[in-house]
Every structure is written in C-alpha cells, then in structure tokens.
C-alpha cells in the first residue's frame, strides 16, 4: 500500500535541522539578542571593576547610583528604576544598609524613603566617576554623528519596547 501524501510538503532540509526559514534571522542576528549581548558584556566588565575598586556588586552599584541621582526613593520606585523585582531590591538595600551606605526613613503613610548616608554619598562620587570613565571609553570608538544616531535609536527603541511591554501585559 502506498503512503498517502501529507497535506503539506516536506520542510526544506535547513528547516528540518532546526534552522529558521531563509527569510528569518537566526537568534544571533536578532536586534534584541545583539543588544542584550553587548549590554551584558558591558555590565560584566563594569561588575568586575566596581567589585575590585569599590567592593560593590552590580546591583549595589545601580542602587547607589540611582539613589545618588534621585533620592529619596521608595523601595518600589528604586526596584522599577533598577529593573529588579522588589524582593531582589530589598536584599540589596538591606546589605547596603548594614554597611552604612543607605539610610531608611519613614515617609508618608507606610512608605520607607531611601537615601544615601554620607559614606554612601562618598562611595557614589567614586562610582559615578568610574562609570563616566567607562562611558567615555565606550563612546570613543564612535564618531559624533554615530553617537547622535545611537542616542536617537536607543530612545526610539526604548519607547517602542515599553509600549510593546504594556501591550503584552494586557
């Protein structure tokens, strides 16, 4: 007995091997993947430097930097700005508080306002200086026009990413 023909033709050999169709990019060609890889490499090198020079983790650095720029902040607001969940941020703040770098004070209602202590502010000045040095080291490989295009592209991509995130949450 002859086998009955399938409703759809046999996929191309590349598709059978797990390759995307020829009109689609593989993961390493996707913009989000490429941006993530660059951001992760930048973050890993920053984490190594900040740990070595200032004895802080990347999460601690971001917390100190955000409080140095915008204090006072609530834990929820700080977690949103740092792109961490509230539990992670709570652990980071607890460590920084134990080290005498972050001060917790009661705010309006039941909120806790977070600020840097004097020691935390001194650490912030060192960290933000190092971060600005790193920023310049990355930007040096770009022309002024490329920097402007990158800034504009990142603004547009960020706006669209936030809009898509809101749409997905519905």
N, C-alpha and C. Protein backbone atom coordinates (compact mmCIF):
# COMPACT_ATOMS: atom_id res chain seq x y z
N UNK A 1 0.85 -1.17 0.00
CA UNK A 1 0.00 0.00 0.00
C UNK A 1 0.88 1.22 0.00
N UNK A 2 0.52 2.22 -0.82
CA UNK A 2 1.29 3.46 -0.92
C UNK A 2 0.96 4.37 0.25
N UNK A 3 2.00 5.09 0.79
CA UNK A 3 1.67 6.07 1.82
C UNK A 3 0.88 7.23 1.22
N UNK A 4 -0.05 7.77 1.99
CA UNK A 4 -0.84 8.89 1.49
C UNK A 4 0.01 10.16 1.59
N UNK A 5 -0.09 11.02 0.61
CA UNK A 5 0.68 12.26 0.64
C UNK A 5 0.21 13.14 1.79
N UNK A 6 1.16 13.80 2.41
CA UNK A 6 0.81 14.70 3.52
C UNK A 6 0.20 15.97 2.98
N UNK A 7 -0.52 16.65 3.84
CA UNK A 7 -1.20 17.89 3.43
C UNK A 7 -0.19 18.97 3.11
N UNK A 8 0.96 18.97 3.78
CA UNK A 8 1.97 20.00 3.49
C UNK A 8 3.23 19.31 3.02
N UNK A 9 3.97 19.97 2.15
CA UNK A 9 5.19 19.35 1.63
C UNK A 9 6.23 19.21 2.74
N UNK A 10 7.17 18.30 2.52
CA UNK A 10 8.26 18.08 3.47
C UNK A 10 9.05 19.38 3.63
N UNK A 11 9.35 19.80 4.89
CA UNK A 11 10.10 21.03 5.06
C UNK A 11 11.48 20.93 4.42
N UNK A 12 12.01 22.07 4.07
CA UNK A 12 13.34 22.12 3.48
C UNK A 12 14.34 21.55 4.48
N UNK A 13 15.47 20.99 4.01
CA UNK A 13 16.45 20.39 4.91
C UNK A 13 16.91 21.33 6.03
N UNK A 14 17.11 22.61 5.75
CA UNK A 14 17.56 23.55 6.78
C UNK A 14 16.52 23.69 7.88
N UNK A 15 15.23 23.72 7.50
CA UNK A 15 14.17 23.84 8.49
C UNK A 15 14.09 22.58 9.35
N UNK A 16 14.30 21.42 8.73
CA UNK A 16 14.29 20.17 9.49
C UNK A 16 15.42 20.16 10.51
N UNK A 17 16.52 20.78 10.20
CA UNK A 17 17.68 20.78 11.10
C UNK A 17 17.57 21.85 12.18
N UNK A 18 16.42 22.48 12.29
CA UNK A 18 16.24 23.49 13.33
C UNK A 18 16.66 24.88 12.89
N UNK A 19 16.95 25.04 11.63
CA UNK A 19 17.33 26.35 11.12
C UNK A 19 16.07 27.15 10.80
N UNK A 20 16.14 28.48 10.98
CA UNK A 20 14.96 29.27 10.62
C UNK A 20 14.77 29.29 9.11
N UNK A 21 13.55 29.53 8.67
CA UNK A 21 13.34 29.68 7.23
C UNK A 21 14.27 30.76 6.68
N UNK A 22 14.57 30.69 5.42
CA UNK A 22 15.57 31.59 4.84
C UNK A 22 15.20 33.07 4.95
N UNK A 23 13.92 33.37 5.15
CA UNK A 23 13.53 34.78 5.27
C UNK A 23 13.54 35.26 6.72
N UNK A 24 14.02 34.44 7.66
CA UNK A 24 14.08 34.83 9.07
C UNK A 24 15.52 34.76 9.57
N UNK A 25 15.84 35.67 10.49
CA UNK A 25 17.18 35.70 11.07
C UNK A 25 17.31 34.65 12.17
N UNK A 26 18.48 34.05 12.29
CA UNK A 26 18.72 33.19 13.46
C UNK A 26 18.88 34.09 14.68
N UNK A 27 18.88 33.52 15.86
CA UNK A 27 18.92 34.31 17.09
C UNK A 27 20.08 35.29 17.11
N UNK A 28 21.27 34.88 16.67
CA UNK A 28 22.41 35.80 16.76
C UNK A 28 22.32 36.99 15.82
N UNK A 29 21.34 37.01 14.95
CA UNK A 29 21.11 38.15 14.08
C UNK A 29 20.01 39.08 14.56
N UNK A 30 19.28 38.66 15.59
CA UNK A 30 18.16 39.47 16.10
C UNK A 30 18.66 40.67 16.89
N UNK A 31 18.06 41.81 16.67
CA UNK A 31 18.46 43.05 17.34
C UNK A 31 18.43 42.91 18.85
N UNK A 32 17.35 42.36 19.40
CA UNK A 32 17.24 42.25 20.86
C UNK A 32 18.35 41.37 21.43
N UNK A 33 18.69 40.30 20.73
CA UNK A 33 19.76 39.42 21.19
C UNK A 33 21.11 40.14 21.14
N UNK A 34 21.37 40.83 20.05
CA UNK A 34 22.64 41.55 19.90
C UNK A 34 22.78 42.64 20.96
N UNK A 35 21.70 43.40 21.19
CA UNK A 35 21.73 44.44 22.23
C UNK A 35 21.96 43.84 23.61
N UNK A 36 21.29 42.74 23.87
CA UNK A 36 21.44 42.06 25.15
C UNK A 36 22.88 41.59 25.36
N UNK A 37 23.47 41.02 24.33
CA UNK A 37 24.86 40.54 24.44
C UNK A 37 25.82 41.70 24.72
N UNK A 38 25.64 42.80 24.02
CA UNK A 38 26.51 43.97 24.24
C UNK A 38 26.29 44.50 25.65
N UNK A 39 25.04 44.66 26.06
CA UNK A 39 24.74 45.18 27.39
C UNK A 39 25.30 44.26 28.48
N UNK A 40 25.16 42.95 28.29
CA UNK A 40 25.70 42.01 29.28
C UNK A 40 27.21 42.07 29.36
N UNK A 41 27.88 42.19 28.23
CA UNK A 41 29.35 42.30 28.24
C UNK A 41 29.78 43.58 28.94
N UNK A 42 29.08 44.67 28.67
CA UNK A 42 29.39 45.94 29.33
C UNK A 42 29.15 45.83 30.84
N UNK A 43 28.06 45.18 31.22
CA UNK A 43 27.74 45.02 32.64
C UNK A 43 28.74 44.12 33.35
N UNK A 44 29.15 43.04 32.69
CA UNK A 44 30.13 42.13 33.32
C UNK A 44 31.45 42.84 33.58
N UNK A 45 31.92 43.61 32.61
CA UNK A 45 33.19 44.31 32.81
C UNK A 45 33.04 45.38 33.89
N UNK A 46 31.88 46.04 33.94
CA UNK A 46 31.63 47.03 34.98
C UNK A 46 31.61 46.35 36.35
N UNK A 47 30.94 45.21 36.43
CA UNK A 47 30.84 44.49 37.70
C UNK A 47 32.23 44.13 38.22
N UNK A 48 33.11 43.69 37.34
CA UNK A 48 34.46 43.33 37.76
C UNK A 48 35.21 44.55 38.30
N UNK A 49 35.10 45.67 37.60
CA UNK A 49 35.79 46.87 38.05
C UNK A 49 35.22 47.39 39.37
N UNK A 50 33.90 47.46 39.47
CA UNK A 50 33.28 48.01 40.68
C UNK A 50 33.52 47.12 41.89
N UNK A 51 33.58 45.81 41.67
CA UNK A 51 33.88 44.89 42.76
C UNK A 51 35.33 45.11 43.22
N UNK A 52 36.25 45.19 42.26
CA UNK A 52 37.67 45.35 42.57
C UNK A 52 37.96 46.70 43.23
N UNK A 53 37.44 47.77 42.67
CA UNK A 53 37.79 49.10 43.15
C UNK A 53 36.93 49.61 44.31
N UNK A 54 35.67 49.16 44.37
CA UNK A 54 34.75 49.74 45.35
C UNK A 54 34.05 48.70 46.24
N UNK A 55 34.33 47.42 46.00
CA UNK A 55 33.73 46.33 46.77
C UNK A 55 32.20 46.37 46.76
N UNK A 56 31.63 46.60 45.58
CA UNK A 56 30.17 46.55 45.43
C UNK A 56 29.83 45.66 44.24
N UNK A 57 28.67 45.02 44.33
CA UNK A 57 28.16 44.22 43.21
C UNK A 57 27.51 45.16 42.20
N UNK A 58 27.15 44.61 41.07
CA UNK A 58 26.49 45.41 40.04
C UNK A 58 25.14 45.92 40.55
N UNK A 59 24.38 45.08 41.23
CA UNK A 59 23.09 45.51 41.80
C UNK A 59 23.28 46.60 42.84
N UNK A 60 24.33 46.48 43.65
CA UNK A 60 24.62 47.51 44.65
C UNK A 60 25.03 48.81 43.97
N UNK A 61 25.85 48.70 42.91
CA UNK A 61 26.26 49.89 42.17
C UNK A 61 25.04 50.62 41.60
N UNK A 62 24.14 49.88 40.98
CA UNK A 62 22.96 50.52 40.38
C UNK A 62 22.10 51.17 41.45
N UNK A 63 21.96 50.52 42.58
CA UNK A 63 21.17 51.08 43.68
C UNK A 63 21.80 52.37 44.19
N UNK A 64 23.09 52.35 44.42
CA UNK A 64 23.80 53.55 44.90
C UNK A 64 23.72 54.66 43.86
N UNK A 65 23.89 54.31 42.59
CA UNK A 65 23.84 55.31 41.52
C UNK A 65 22.46 55.94 41.41
N UNK A 66 21.42 55.13 41.51
CA UNK A 66 20.06 55.67 41.42
C UNK A 66 19.73 56.54 42.62
N UNK A 67 20.14 56.12 43.81
CA UNK A 67 19.90 56.94 44.99
C UNK A 67 20.74 58.22 44.95
N UNK A 68 21.93 58.12 44.42
CA UNK A 68 22.78 59.31 44.29
C UNK A 68 22.21 60.33 43.33
N UNK A 69 21.47 59.86 42.35
CA UNK A 69 20.90 60.75 41.34
C UNK A 69 19.52 61.27 41.71
N UNK A 70 18.72 60.47 42.42
CA UNK A 70 17.30 60.81 42.59
C UNK A 70 16.72 60.61 43.99
N UNK A 71 17.51 60.56 45.02
CA UNK A 71 16.98 60.30 46.37
C UNK A 71 16.13 61.47 46.84
N UNK A 72 15.18 61.22 47.72
CA UNK A 72 14.84 59.92 48.28
C UNK A 72 13.95 59.12 47.33
N UNK A 73 14.04 57.80 47.45
CA UNK A 73 13.22 56.89 46.65
C UNK A 73 12.62 55.83 47.56
N UNK A 74 11.43 55.36 47.19
CA UNK A 74 10.86 54.22 47.89
C UNK A 74 11.48 52.95 47.31
N UNK A 75 11.34 51.86 48.02
CA UNK A 75 11.87 50.58 47.54
C UNK A 75 11.23 50.20 46.21
N UNK A 76 9.90 50.39 46.09
CA UNK A 76 9.21 50.05 44.84
C UNK A 76 9.74 50.85 43.66
N UNK A 77 9.87 52.14 43.85
CA UNK A 77 10.37 53.01 42.77
C UNK A 77 11.81 52.63 42.41
N UNK A 78 12.62 52.40 43.42
CA UNK A 78 14.01 52.01 43.19
C UNK A 78 14.10 50.70 42.42
N UNK A 79 13.27 49.73 42.79
CA UNK A 79 13.26 48.44 42.10
C UNK A 79 12.86 48.62 40.63
N UNK A 80 11.84 49.44 40.37
CA UNK A 80 11.43 49.70 38.98
C UNK A 80 12.55 50.33 38.18
N UNK A 81 13.20 51.35 38.75
CA UNK A 81 14.28 52.04 38.04
C UNK A 81 15.47 51.13 37.77
N UNK A 82 15.75 50.22 38.70
CA UNK A 82 16.89 49.31 38.55
C UNK A 82 16.54 48.05 37.75
N UNK A 83 15.26 47.90 37.39
CA UNK A 83 14.78 46.71 36.68
C UNK A 83 15.03 45.44 37.48
N UNK A 84 14.79 45.53 38.79
CA UNK A 84 14.87 44.37 39.67
C UNK A 84 13.50 44.16 40.30
N UNK A 85 13.22 42.93 40.73
CA UNK A 85 11.96 42.76 41.45
C UNK A 85 12.15 43.27 42.88
N UNK A 86 11.03 43.50 43.55
CA UNK A 86 11.05 44.12 44.87
C UNK A 86 11.86 43.30 45.88
N UNK A 87 11.75 41.98 45.81
CA UNK A 87 12.48 41.12 46.75
C UNK A 87 13.99 41.24 46.54
N UNK A 88 14.43 41.24 45.28
CA UNK A 88 15.86 41.41 45.00
C UNK A 88 16.35 42.76 45.52
N UNK A 89 15.57 43.81 45.23
CA UNK A 89 15.97 45.15 45.66
C UNK A 89 16.00 45.23 47.18
N UNK A 90 15.07 44.59 47.83
CA UNK A 90 15.04 44.60 49.29
C UNK A 90 16.32 43.99 49.87
N UNK A 91 16.79 42.90 49.26
CA UNK A 91 18.03 42.27 49.72
C UNK A 91 19.24 43.18 49.49
N UNK A 92 19.28 43.84 48.34
CA UNK A 92 20.39 44.75 48.03
C UNK A 92 20.39 45.91 49.03
N UNK A 93 19.22 46.50 49.26
CA UNK A 93 19.11 47.63 50.19
C UNK A 93 19.50 47.20 51.60
N UNK A 94 19.09 46.00 52.00
CA UNK A 94 19.44 45.50 53.34
C UNK A 94 20.95 45.41 53.50
N UNK A 95 21.64 44.88 52.49
CA UNK A 95 23.11 44.78 52.55
C UNK A 95 23.75 46.16 52.62
N UNK A 96 23.27 47.07 51.78
CA UNK A 96 23.84 48.42 51.77
C UNK A 96 23.55 49.15 53.08
N UNK A 97 22.41 48.90 53.66
CA UNK A 97 22.05 49.50 54.94
C UNK A 97 22.97 48.96 56.04
N UNK A 98 23.20 47.64 56.04
CA UNK A 98 24.10 47.02 57.02
C UNK A 98 25.52 47.59 56.93
N UNK A 99 25.92 47.94 55.73
CA UNK A 99 27.27 48.50 55.51
C UNK A 99 27.32 50.00 55.80
N UNK A 100 26.20 50.58 56.17
CA UNK A 100 26.17 52.00 56.49
C UNK A 100 26.18 52.91 55.27
N UNK A 101 25.67 52.41 54.14
CA UNK A 101 25.68 53.19 52.90
C UNK A 101 24.30 53.75 52.54
N UNK A 102 23.25 53.11 53.03
CA UNK A 102 21.88 53.54 52.73
C UNK A 102 21.14 53.73 54.05
N UNK A 103 20.35 54.80 54.09
CA UNK A 103 19.55 55.13 55.25
C UNK A 103 18.08 54.92 54.91
N UNK A 104 17.36 54.26 55.80
CA UNK A 104 15.91 54.05 55.63
C UNK A 104 15.20 54.94 56.63
N UNK A 105 14.28 55.75 56.12
CA UNK A 105 13.49 56.64 56.99
C UNK A 105 12.03 56.50 56.63
N UNK A 106 11.16 56.61 57.64
CA UNK A 106 9.74 56.53 57.40
C UNK A 106 9.28 57.76 56.63
N UNK A 107 8.48 57.50 55.59
CA UNK A 107 7.94 58.58 54.79
C UNK A 107 6.45 58.70 55.02
N UNK A 108 5.78 59.33 54.09
CA UNK A 108 4.32 59.49 54.18
C UNK A 108 3.65 58.13 54.18
N UNK A 109 2.61 58.01 54.98
CA UNK A 109 1.90 56.73 55.06
C UNK A 109 2.81 55.66 55.64
N UNK A 110 2.84 54.52 54.99
CA UNK A 110 3.69 53.42 55.45
C UNK A 110 4.94 53.27 54.60
N UNK A 111 5.25 54.25 53.79
CA UNK A 111 6.40 54.12 52.90
C UNK A 111 7.71 54.35 53.64
N UNK A 112 8.74 53.74 53.12
CA UNK A 112 10.09 53.95 53.62
C UNK A 112 10.87 54.68 52.54
N UNK A 113 11.46 55.79 52.92
CA UNK A 113 12.25 56.58 51.99
C UNK A 113 13.71 56.16 52.12
N UNK A 114 14.36 55.94 51.01
CA UNK A 114 15.75 55.51 50.99
C UNK A 114 16.63 56.64 50.48
N UNK A 115 17.72 56.88 51.19
CA UNK A 115 18.71 57.88 50.79
C UNK A 115 20.10 57.31 51.08
N UNK A 116 21.09 57.94 50.52
CA UNK A 116 22.47 57.55 50.82
C UNK A 116 22.93 58.24 52.10
N UNK A 117 23.72 57.54 52.88
CA UNK A 117 24.37 58.15 54.04
C UNK A 117 25.56 58.97 53.52
N UNK A 118 26.23 59.65 54.40
CA UNK A 118 27.43 60.38 53.99
C UNK A 118 28.46 59.44 53.37
N UNK A 119 28.63 58.29 54.00
CA UNK A 119 29.56 57.28 53.49
C UNK A 119 29.08 56.78 52.11
N UNK A 120 27.78 56.59 51.97
CA UNK A 120 27.21 56.16 50.69
C UNK A 120 27.39 57.21 49.61
N UNK A 121 27.23 58.49 49.98
CA UNK A 121 27.40 59.58 49.00
C UNK A 121 28.85 59.66 48.55
N UNK A 122 29.79 59.43 49.46
CA UNK A 122 31.21 59.45 49.08
C UNK A 122 31.51 58.31 48.12
N UNK A 123 30.94 57.13 48.40
CA UNK A 123 31.11 55.99 47.50
C UNK A 123 30.47 56.28 46.14
N UNK A 124 29.30 56.90 46.16
CA UNK A 124 28.62 57.27 44.91
C UNK A 124 29.52 58.15 44.03
N UNK A 125 30.18 59.13 44.62
CA UNK A 125 31.04 60.02 43.83
C UNK A 125 32.16 59.23 43.15
N UNK A 126 32.75 58.28 43.85
CA UNK A 126 33.78 57.45 43.24
C UNK A 126 33.23 56.56 42.14
N UNK A 127 32.09 55.94 42.41
CA UNK A 127 31.46 55.05 41.44
C UNK A 127 31.01 55.78 40.19
N UNK A 128 30.39 56.94 40.36
CA UNK A 128 29.88 57.65 39.18
C UNK A 128 31.03 58.19 38.35
N UNK A 129 32.13 58.53 39.01
CA UNK A 129 33.33 58.93 38.26
C UNK A 129 33.86 57.78 37.42
N UNK A 130 33.94 56.59 38.01
CA UNK A 130 34.40 55.42 37.27
C UNK A 130 33.43 55.07 36.15
N UNK A 131 32.13 55.20 36.40
CA UNK A 131 31.13 54.91 35.37
C UNK A 131 31.26 55.88 34.20
N UNK A 132 31.52 57.14 34.50
CA UNK A 132 31.69 58.11 33.42
C UNK A 132 32.97 57.83 32.62
N UNK A 133 34.02 57.38 33.29
CA UNK A 133 35.24 56.99 32.57
C UNK A 133 34.94 55.83 31.63
N UNK A 134 34.21 54.84 32.11
CA UNK A 134 33.86 53.69 31.28
C UNK A 134 32.99 54.12 30.10
N UNK A 135 32.05 55.01 30.37
CA UNK A 135 31.17 55.51 29.31
C UNK A 135 31.99 56.15 28.19
N UNK A 136 32.93 56.98 28.58
CA UNK A 136 33.79 57.63 27.58
C UNK A 136 34.64 56.61 26.83
N UNK A 137 35.11 55.58 27.51
CA UNK A 137 35.91 54.56 26.86
C UNK A 137 35.10 53.83 25.77
N UNK A 138 33.82 53.63 26.02
CA UNK A 138 32.97 53.00 25.00
C UNK A 138 32.66 53.97 23.87
N UNK A 139 32.39 55.21 24.21
CA UNK A 139 31.99 56.18 23.18
C UNK A 139 33.13 56.60 22.26
N UNK A 140 34.36 56.41 22.68
CA UNK A 140 35.49 56.85 21.89
C UNK A 140 35.56 56.15 20.53
N UNK A 141 34.98 54.96 20.43
CA UNK A 141 35.03 54.25 19.15
C UNK A 141 33.96 54.73 18.17
N UNK A 142 33.13 55.68 18.60
CA UNK A 142 32.07 56.20 17.74
C UNK A 142 32.37 57.64 17.35
N UNK A 143 32.00 58.00 16.12
CA UNK A 143 32.11 59.40 15.71
C UNK A 143 30.98 60.18 16.40
N UNK A 144 31.06 61.50 16.34
CA UNK A 144 30.00 62.33 16.93
C UNK A 144 28.65 62.02 16.28
N UNK A 145 28.66 61.86 14.95
CA UNK A 145 27.41 61.54 14.26
C UNK A 145 26.87 60.18 14.70
N UNK A 146 27.76 59.19 14.86
CA UNK A 146 27.32 57.87 15.32
C UNK A 146 26.75 57.93 16.73
N UNK A 147 27.33 58.76 17.58
CA UNK A 147 26.81 58.93 18.94
C UNK A 147 25.39 59.50 18.91
N UNK A 148 25.18 60.50 18.06
CA UNK A 148 23.85 61.11 17.95
C UNK A 148 22.84 60.10 17.41
N UNK A 149 23.24 59.34 16.41
CA UNK A 149 22.34 58.32 15.84
C UNK A 149 22.05 57.25 16.89
N UNK A 150 23.07 56.82 17.63
CA UNK A 150 22.86 55.82 18.67
C UNK A 150 21.90 56.34 19.74
N UNK A 151 22.10 57.56 20.21
CA UNK A 151 21.20 58.14 21.21
C UNK A 151 19.76 58.16 20.71
N UNK A 152 19.57 58.61 19.47
CA UNK A 152 18.23 58.67 18.90
C UNK A 152 17.64 57.26 18.76
N UNK A 153 18.43 56.33 18.27
CA UNK A 153 17.95 54.96 18.08
C UNK A 153 17.58 54.32 19.42
N UNK A 154 18.41 54.52 20.44
CA UNK A 154 18.10 53.95 21.76
C UNK A 154 16.83 54.56 22.34
N UNK A 155 16.63 55.86 22.16
CA UNK A 155 15.40 56.49 22.63
C UNK A 155 14.18 55.88 21.93
N UNK A 156 14.26 55.73 20.62
CA UNK A 156 13.15 55.17 19.87
C UNK A 156 12.89 53.71 20.24
N UNK A 157 13.95 52.92 20.35
CA UNK A 157 13.80 51.52 20.71
C UNK A 157 13.25 51.37 22.13
N UNK A 158 13.70 52.21 23.05
CA UNK A 158 13.20 52.17 24.42
C UNK A 158 11.72 52.50 24.49
N UNK A 159 11.31 53.52 23.75
CA UNK A 159 9.89 53.90 23.72
C UNK A 159 9.04 52.76 23.17
N UNK A 160 9.48 52.18 22.07
CA UNK A 160 8.73 51.08 21.47
C UNK A 160 8.72 49.85 22.38
N UNK A 161 9.86 49.54 23.00
CA UNK A 161 9.93 48.37 23.89
C UNK A 161 8.96 48.52 25.06
N UNK A 162 8.90 49.72 25.64
CA UNK A 162 7.97 49.94 26.76
C UNK A 162 6.52 49.82 26.28
N UNK A 163 6.22 50.32 25.10
CA UNK A 163 4.86 50.21 24.56
C UNK A 163 4.50 48.75 24.29
N UNK A 164 5.41 47.98 23.74
CA UNK A 164 5.15 46.56 23.49
C UNK A 164 4.99 45.80 24.81
N UNK A 165 5.77 46.17 25.81
CA UNK A 165 5.64 45.54 27.13
C UNK A 165 4.25 45.79 27.71
N UNK A 166 3.80 47.05 27.63
CA UNK A 166 2.45 47.38 28.14
C UNK A 166 1.39 46.58 27.37
N UNK A 167 1.54 46.47 26.06
CA UNK A 167 0.56 45.74 25.26
C UNK A 167 0.55 44.25 25.62
N UNK A 168 1.71 43.68 25.91
CA UNK A 168 1.79 42.27 26.28
C UNK A 168 1.18 42.00 27.64
N UNK A 169 1.18 42.99 28.52
CA UNK A 169 0.65 42.82 29.87
C UNK A 169 -0.87 42.77 29.88
N UNK A 170 -1.50 43.20 28.83
CA UNK A 170 -2.98 43.22 28.77
C UNK A 170 -3.57 41.88 28.60
